[in-house]
Amino acid sequence: MAQYTFLTWNLAMLESSDFAPSGWRTDQTEAAIRRFVMDIDPDFVLFQELPGLIPYIETHAMVPANARGQSGDIATLARHSLMPDITASRVNNTVMAHLGSTGLTIANVHLPSSRGGDLNRLNVLKDIQSATPTPHLAVIGDTNTRTKEEARIAKLGLTGDRPPQPTWNGRICKFRRDNRNFTAYFTRAFQSEGVQVDDVNVWTQPVEERSHTFHLSDHFAMSGQISIPS
């Protein structure tokens, strides 16, 4: 069985938190993101909502495709040792990394938002399936899906457990003082038959700097492991 670890994170355009120390800069946000990613050390890093700037992770390289998401840019980084096995492409709101040796496509998504955007999100998922050249597919990232959409998505042959806790939580996230006061599972994973996603963790811990406690984004990072039959 082949296994890959991942970390996915909507980075909110690398804007500074309202709770960060006065004068907190974009390069400091980038450095904090880099430290966090290096600590987790995943095989794949899936970023959404970038402002044309990709945090530098020296152990990883960007797969050769990028795309626009609901807002900002999408980028997928892969461990250097995996790069010779990867080709890449894009469709709407998606960067697709194809692993030739294991027949897996990892689709890094930032799907259309809004409560009424369910049909738009479903259509993008259909586009992703049509554009996938491999037998196995994992769709991971800021899906913007609501839990009521799970049944329709399952009819496409894509299923996935909800993360162990909300990946958006305006009640506890210290990013915007006017954060919307609700919880949701916007960031999550859906996978095709035979693909398993487990060991999922939602990273809610804030940064502490100069007596200030804050988060680096209004979305929490999520990590996990993808397993496929060999």
Protein backbone atom coordinates (compact mmCIF):
# COMPACT_ATOMS: atom_id res chain seq x y z
CA MET A 1 0.00 0.00 0.00
CA ALA A 2 1.30 3.45 -0.95
CA GLN A 3 0.95 6.25 1.59
CA TYR A 4 1.42 10.01 1.43
CA THR A 5 1.00 12.62 4.13
CA PHE A 6 -0.47 16.05 3.46
CA LEU A 7 -1.12 19.42 5.02
CA THR A 8 -3.74 21.76 3.56
CA TRP A 9 -4.28 25.39 4.55
CA ASN A 10 -6.20 28.41 3.31
CA LEU A 11 -3.80 31.27 4.12
CA ALA A 12 -6.22 34.23 3.89
CA MET A 13 -3.99 36.14 1.45
CA LEU A 14 -1.21 36.18 4.07
CA GLU A 15 -2.90 39.14 5.73
CA SER A 16 -2.00 39.99 9.31
CA SER A 17 -4.30 39.01 12.13
CA ASP A 18 -6.13 41.80 13.93
CA PHE A 19 -4.75 40.26 17.12
CA ALA A 20 -1.08 40.22 16.01
CA PRO A 21 1.44 42.63 17.56
CA SER A 22 1.57 46.12 16.12
CA GLY A 23 3.79 46.22 13.03
CA TRP A 24 3.51 42.48 12.33
CA ARG A 25 4.68 41.95 8.73
CA THR A 26 3.91 39.55 5.88
CA ASP A 27 7.41 38.08 6.04
CA GLN A 28 6.81 37.24 9.70
CA THR A 29 3.59 35.46 8.79
CA GLU A 30 5.46 33.56 6.07
CA ALA A 31 8.23 32.57 8.51
CA ALA A 32 5.68 31.30 11.05
CA ILE A 33 3.94 29.25 8.34
CA ARG A 34 7.28 27.81 7.24
CA ARG A 35 8.16 26.75 10.81
CA PHE A 36 4.78 25.08 11.21
CA VAL A 37 5.04 23.19 7.91
CA MET A 38 8.58 22.06 8.66
CA ASP A 39 7.43 20.74 12.06
CA ILE A 40 4.61 18.71 10.48
CA ASP A 41 6.87 17.67 7.56
CA PRO A 42 4.18 16.37 5.16
CA ASP A 43 4.83 14.90 1.71
CA PHE A 44 2.42 17.41 0.13
CA VAL A 45 1.54 20.96 1.14
CA LEU A 46 -1.70 22.30 -0.35
CA PHE A 47 -2.06 26.08 -0.06
CA GLN A 48 -5.12 28.12 -1.01
CA GLU A 49 -5.79 31.86 -1.04
CA LEU A 50 -2.26 33.06 -1.72
CA PRO A 51 -1.55 36.65 -2.83
CA GLY A 52 0.84 35.66 -5.62
CA LEU A 53 3.43 34.77 -2.97
CA ILE A 54 4.21 31.18 -1.99
CA PRO A 55 5.80 30.52 1.42
CA TYR A 56 9.25 29.06 0.89
CA ILE A 57 9.68 25.50 2.18
CA GLU A 58 13.20 24.34 1.34
CA THR A 59 12.37 20.63 1.55
CA HIS A 60 9.65 20.99 -1.10
CA ALA A 61 9.16 22.24 -4.66
CA MET A 62 6.05 23.56 -6.36
CA VAL A 63 4.36 21.18 -8.78
CA PRO A 64 4.37 22.78 -12.26
CA ALA A 65 0.83 24.18 -12.31
CA ASN A 66 -1.06 26.92 -10.54
CA ALA A 67 -4.62 28.13 -10.57
CA ARG A 68 -6.93 30.77 -9.20
CA GLY A 69 -9.28 29.75 -6.45
CA GLN A 70 -12.42 31.37 -5.09
CA SER A 71 -10.00 34.16 -4.21
CA GLY A 72 -6.24 34.31 -4.50
CA ASP A 73 -3.97 31.63 -5.91
CA ILE A 74 -3.63 27.89 -5.30
CA ALA A 75 -0.26 26.15 -5.06
CA THR A 76 0.80 22.58 -4.31
CA LEU A 77 4.24 21.80 -2.92
CA ALA A 78 5.70 18.29 -2.97
CA ARG A 79 8.71 16.80 -1.25
CA HIS A 80 11.74 16.98 -3.55
CA SER A 81 12.10 13.20 -3.68
CA LEU A 82 8.58 12.89 -5.11
CA MET A 83 8.94 15.46 -7.88
CA PRO A 84 10.32 13.08 -10.59
CA ASP A 85 7.10 11.05 -10.27
CA ILE A 86 4.75 14.03 -10.59
CA THR A 87 3.08 15.71 -13.52
CA ALA A 88 0.60 18.52 -12.98
CA SER A 89 -2.39 20.19 -14.58
CA ARG A 90 -5.20 22.51 -13.61
CA VAL A 91 -8.93 22.93 -14.00
CA ASN A 92 -11.23 25.55 -12.52
CA ASN A 93 -10.33 26.33 -8.90
CA THR A 94 -7.95 23.36 -8.81
CA VAL A 95 -4.28 22.35 -9.08
CA MET A 96 -3.90 18.66 -9.86
CA ALA A 97 -0.78 16.65 -9.02
CA HIS A 98 -0.58 13.25 -10.72
CA LEU A 99 1.67 10.53 -9.28
CA GLY A 100 2.56 8.17 -12.09
CA SER A 101 3.89 5.27 -10.04
CA THR A 102 0.80 4.88 -7.87
CA GLY A 103 -1.94 6.20 -10.15
CA LEU A 104 -3.06 8.87 -7.71
CA THR A 105 -4.19 12.41 -8.44
CA ILE A 106 -4.25 14.89 -5.56
CA ALA A 107 -6.57 17.77 -6.42
CA ASN A 108 -5.86 20.90 -4.37
CA VAL A 109 -9.09 22.92 -4.44
CA HIS A 110 -10.55 26.26 -3.42
CA LEU A 111 -14.13 25.83 -4.55
CA PRO A 112 -16.75 28.57 -5.00
CA SER A 113 -18.13 29.89 -1.73
CA SER A 114 -21.59 30.93 -0.50
CA ARG A 115 -24.48 28.87 0.78
CA GLY A 116 -26.11 28.96 -2.65
CA GLY A 117 -22.97 27.83 -4.47
CA ASP A 118 -23.59 24.11 -4.03
CA LEU A 119 -24.29 23.44 -7.72
CA ASN A 120 -21.18 25.40 -8.74
CA ARG A 121 -19.10 23.33 -6.34
CA LEU A 122 -20.63 20.11 -7.64
CA ASN A 123 -19.88 21.10 -11.23
CA VAL A 124 -16.23 21.79 -10.39
CA LEU A 125 -15.97 18.35 -8.77
CA LYS A 126 -17.36 16.84 -11.97
CA ASP A 127 -14.77 18.79 -13.99
CA ILE A 128 -12.03 17.47 -11.72
CA GLN A 129 -13.18 13.89 -12.23
CA SER A 130 -13.30 14.34 -16.00
CA ALA A 131 -9.78 15.79 -16.02
CA THR A 132 -8.26 13.10 -13.79
CA PRO A 133 -6.05 10.73 -15.83
CA THR A 134 -5.39 8.32 -12.95
CA PRO A 135 -7.55 5.57 -11.37
CA HIS A 136 -7.33 7.13 -7.90
CA LEU A 137 -8.38 10.64 -6.83
CA ALA A 138 -8.20 12.62 -3.59
CA VAL A 139 -9.82 16.06 -3.53
CA ILE A 140 -8.41 18.09 -0.65
CA GLY A 141 -8.49 21.73 0.37
CA ASP A 142 -10.96 24.52 1.02
CA THR A 143 -14.02 22.89 -0.51
CA ASN A 144 -16.43 25.49 0.94
CA THR A 145 -18.93 22.63 1.15
CA ARG A 146 -21.72 22.41 3.69
CA THR A 147 -22.46 19.11 5.38
CA LYS A 148 -25.83 18.85 3.60
CA GLU A 149 -23.92 18.52 0.30
CA GLU A 150 -22.29 15.22 1.30
CA ALA A 151 -25.04 13.04 -0.21
CA ARG A 152 -24.81 14.71 -3.63
CA ILE A 153 -21.02 14.48 -3.61
CA ALA A 154 -21.24 10.79 -2.67
CA LYS A 155 -23.36 10.20 -5.78
CA LEU A 156 -20.32 11.29 -7.79
CA GLY A 157 -18.34 8.49 -6.14
CA LEU A 158 -16.46 10.83 -3.79
CA THR A 159 -16.76 10.24 -0.07
CA GLY A 160 -14.95 11.47 3.01
CA ASP A 161 -15.41 11.61 6.75
CA ARG A 162 -15.83 14.99 8.36
CA PRO A 163 -12.68 16.23 10.10
CA PRO A 164 -12.57 15.61 13.86
CA GLN A 165 -13.48 19.24 14.54
CA PRO A 166 -14.57 22.27 12.47
CA THR A 167 -11.92 23.70 10.18
CA TRP A 168 -13.61 27.11 10.38
CA ASN A 169 -14.52 28.30 13.87
CA GLY A 170 -15.34 31.99 14.18
CA ARG A 171 -15.99 31.50 17.89
CA ILE A 172 -12.40 30.66 18.81
CA CYS A 173 -10.26 31.83 15.88
CA LYS A 174 -8.28 34.96 16.72
CA PHE A 175 -7.77 36.36 13.25
CA ARG A 176 -10.48 38.94 12.58
CA ARG A 177 -12.23 40.77 15.39
CA ASP A 178 -15.45 40.61 13.36
CA ASN A 179 -15.12 36.90 12.50
CA ARG A 180 -18.46 35.37 11.61
CA ASN A 181 -19.68 33.53 14.69
CA PHE A 182 -20.29 30.03 13.31
CA THR A 183 -18.47 26.77 12.73
CA ALA A 184 -18.11 24.78 9.50
CA TYR A 185 -16.16 22.00 7.81
CA PHE A 186 -15.02 24.01 4.80
CA THR A 187 -11.58 22.38 4.60
CA ARG A 188 -11.84 18.64 4.12
CA ALA A 189 -11.02 15.67 1.89
CA PHE A 190 -13.15 13.64 -0.51
CA GLN A 191 -11.75 10.55 -2.19
CA SER A 192 -12.63 7.99 -4.83
CA GLU A 193 -13.30 4.34 -4.12
CA GLY A 194 -10.23 2.50 -2.86
CA VAL A 195 -8.53 5.64 -1.55
CA GLN A 196 -8.34 6.09 2.19
CA VAL A 197 -7.76 9.35 4.07
CA ASP A 198 -7.09 8.98 7.78
CA ASP A 199 -5.02 10.32 10.68
CA VAL A 200 -6.75 13.65 10.06
CA ASN A 201 -5.88 16.46 12.45
CA VAL A 202 -7.18 20.03 12.60
CA TRP A 203 -4.57 22.45 13.91
CA THR A 204 -6.26 25.08 16.07
CA GLN A 205 -3.30 26.18 18.17
CA PRO A 206 -2.64 29.94 17.98
CA VAL A 207 0.70 31.70 17.68
CA GLU A 208 2.05 33.45 20.76
CA GLU A 209 4.33 36.42 20.11
CA ARG A 210 5.21 39.34 22.38
CA SER A 211 2.30 38.62 24.76
CA HIS A 212 -0.12 38.46 21.80
CA THR A 213 -2.13 35.33 20.98
CA PHE A 214 -3.42 35.05 17.41
CA HIS A 215 -3.98 32.79 14.42
CA LEU A 216 -2.23 33.09 11.05
CA SER A 217 -5.45 32.63 9.06
CA ASP A 218 -9.19 32.57 9.52
CA HIS A 219 -9.06 28.90 8.45
CA PHE A 220 -7.35 26.19 10.46
CA ALA A 221 -4.76 23.94 8.83
CA MET A 222 -5.64 20.28 8.37
CA SER A 223 -3.27 17.35 7.97
CA GLY A 224 -3.74 13.67 7.23
CA GLN A 225 -2.56 10.61 5.36
CA ILE A 226 -3.64 9.26 1.98
CA SER A 227 -3.42 5.49 1.45
CA ILE A 228 -4.06 3.66 -1.81
CA PRO A 229 -3.81 -0.02 -2.74
CA SER A 230 -0.53 -1.02 -4.38
